[in-house]
Amino acid sequence: MDPQPCCGGGPARLGASFGARTPVELIAAFTDALTDPAPAASTPSDPYEPLRQSAWQPPGHRG
């Protein structure tokens, strides 16, 4: 994907094309990234936090 300048010197336009055999999950991930970008890298992220908030324990955990 290469940004192309828009007519009149406006913001760059992006283009992407997908073939007929492109998995729908890949297209969905692409469009999701455009409409809802990831938080800044400086934002701490813990993928297990929602599980901990629900008092989830891993299988076999003795606690």
C-alpha atoms as a PDB file:
ATOM      1  CA  MET A   1       0.000   0.000   0.000  1.00  0.00           C
ATOM      2  CA  ASP A   2       1.508   3.280  -1.076  1.00  0.00           C
ATOM      3  CA  PRO A   3      -0.069   6.621  -0.192  1.00  0.00           C
ATOM      4  CA  GLN A   4      -0.930   8.595  -3.311  1.00  0.00           C
ATOM      5  CA  PRO A   5      -1.332  12.366  -3.169  1.00  0.00           C
ATOM      6  CA  CYS A   6      -4.886  13.499  -3.701  1.00  0.00           C
ATOM      7  CA  CYS A   7      -5.861  16.033  -6.300  1.00  0.00           C
ATOM      8  CA  GLY A   8      -5.183  19.592  -5.237  1.00  0.00           C
ATOM      9  CA  GLY A   9      -2.452  18.631  -2.773  1.00  0.00           C
ATOM     10  CA  GLY A  10      -4.930  17.282  -0.189  1.00  0.00           C
ATOM     11  CA  PRO A  11      -4.376  14.322   2.091  1.00  0.00           C
ATOM     12  CA  ALA A  12      -2.970  11.131   0.656  1.00  0.00           C
ATOM     13  CA  ARG A  13      -5.364   8.419  -0.501  1.00  0.00           C
ATOM     14  CA  LEU A  14      -4.714   4.786   0.259  1.00  0.00           C
ATOM     15  CA  GLY A  15      -5.822   1.860  -1.821  1.00  0.00           C
ATOM     16  CA  ALA A  16      -5.879  -1.858  -1.278  1.00  0.00           C
ATOM     17  CA  SER A  17      -7.099  -4.739  -3.383  1.00  0.00           C
ATOM     18  CA  PHE A  18      -7.913  -8.286  -2.414  1.00  0.00           C
ATOM     19  CA  GLY A  19      -8.326 -11.301  -4.644  1.00  0.00           C
ATOM     20  CA  ALA A  20     -11.325 -13.601  -4.727  1.00  0.00           C
ATOM     21  CA  ARG A  21      -9.494 -16.138  -2.569  1.00  0.00           C
ATOM     22  CA  THR A  22      -8.464 -13.695   0.175  1.00  0.00           C
ATOM     23  CA  PRO A  23      -9.788 -14.993   3.518  1.00  0.00           C
ATOM     24  CA  VAL A  24     -12.586 -12.825   4.866  1.00  0.00           C
ATOM     25  CA  GLU A  25     -10.797 -12.696   8.253  1.00  0.00           C
ATOM     26  CA  LEU A  26      -7.837 -10.959   6.632  1.00  0.00           C
ATOM     27  CA  ILE A  27     -10.078  -8.377   4.975  1.00  0.00           C
ATOM     28  CA  ALA A  28     -11.953  -7.834   8.257  1.00  0.00           C
ATOM     29  CA  ALA A  29      -8.693  -7.326  10.167  1.00  0.00           C
ATOM     30  CA  PHE A  30      -7.570  -4.808   7.553  1.00  0.00           C
ATOM     31  CA  THR A  31     -10.776  -2.783   7.686  1.00  0.00           C
ATOM     32  CA  ASP A  32     -10.903  -2.971  11.499  1.00  0.00           C
ATOM     33  CA  ALA A  33      -7.395  -1.512  11.678  1.00  0.00           C
ATOM     34  CA  LEU A  34      -8.495   1.402   9.514  1.00  0.00           C
ATOM     35  CA  THR A  35     -11.662   2.187  11.457  1.00  0.00           C
ATOM     36  CA  ASP A  36     -10.442   1.423  14.986  1.00  0.00           C
ATOM     37  CA  PRO A  37      -6.651   1.789  15.219  1.00  0.00           C
ATOM     38  CA  ALA A  38      -4.770   0.149  18.057  1.00  0.00           C
ATOM     39  CA  PRO A  39      -3.933   2.255  21.112  1.00  0.00           C
ATOM     40  CA  ALA A  40      -0.544   3.924  21.307  1.00  0.00           C
ATOM     41  CA  ALA A  41       2.336   1.581  22.096  1.00  0.00           C
ATOM     42  CA  SER A  42       2.950   3.476  25.331  1.00  0.00           C
ATOM     43  CA  THR A  43      -0.428   2.289  26.655  1.00  0.00           C
ATOM     44  CA  PRO A  44       0.153  -0.789  28.815  1.00  0.00           C
ATOM     45  CA  SER A  45      -1.900  -3.757  27.709  1.00  0.00           C
ATOM     46  CA  ASP A  46      -2.508  -7.010  29.539  1.00  0.00           C
ATOM     47  CA  PRO A  47      -4.588  -9.518  27.566  1.00  0.00           C
ATOM     48  CA  TYR A  48      -5.337 -11.485  30.755  1.00  0.00           C
ATOM     49  CA  GLU A  49      -6.804  -8.535  32.684  1.00  0.00           C
ATOM     50  CA  PRO A  50     -10.455  -9.214  31.700  1.00  0.00           C
ATOM     51  CA  LEU A  51     -10.007 -12.826  32.836  1.00  0.00           C
ATOM     52  CA  ARG A  52      -8.523 -11.778  36.163  1.00  0.00           C
ATOM     53  CA  GLN A  53     -11.377  -9.322  36.723  1.00  0.00           C
ATOM     54  CA  SER A  54     -13.774 -12.248  36.276  1.00  0.00           C
ATOM     55  CA  ALA A  55     -11.835 -14.309  38.865  1.00  0.00           C
ATOM     56  CA  TRP A  56     -10.778 -16.785  36.184  1.00  0.00           C
ATOM     57  CA  GLN A  57      -8.192 -19.390  37.143  1.00  0.00           C
ATOM     58  CA  PRO A  58      -6.262 -21.584  34.707  1.00  0.00           C
ATOM     59  CA  PRO A  59      -7.280 -25.258  34.619  1.00  0.00           C
ATOM     60  CA  GLY A  60      -5.588 -27.212  37.393  1.00  0.00           C
ATOM     61  CA  HIS A  61      -4.787 -24.061  39.368  1.00  0.00           C
ATOM     62  CA  ARG A  62      -4.738 -24.649  43.106  1.00  0.00           C
ATOM     63  CA  GLY A  63      -5.449 -21.450  44.879  1.00  0.00           C
END
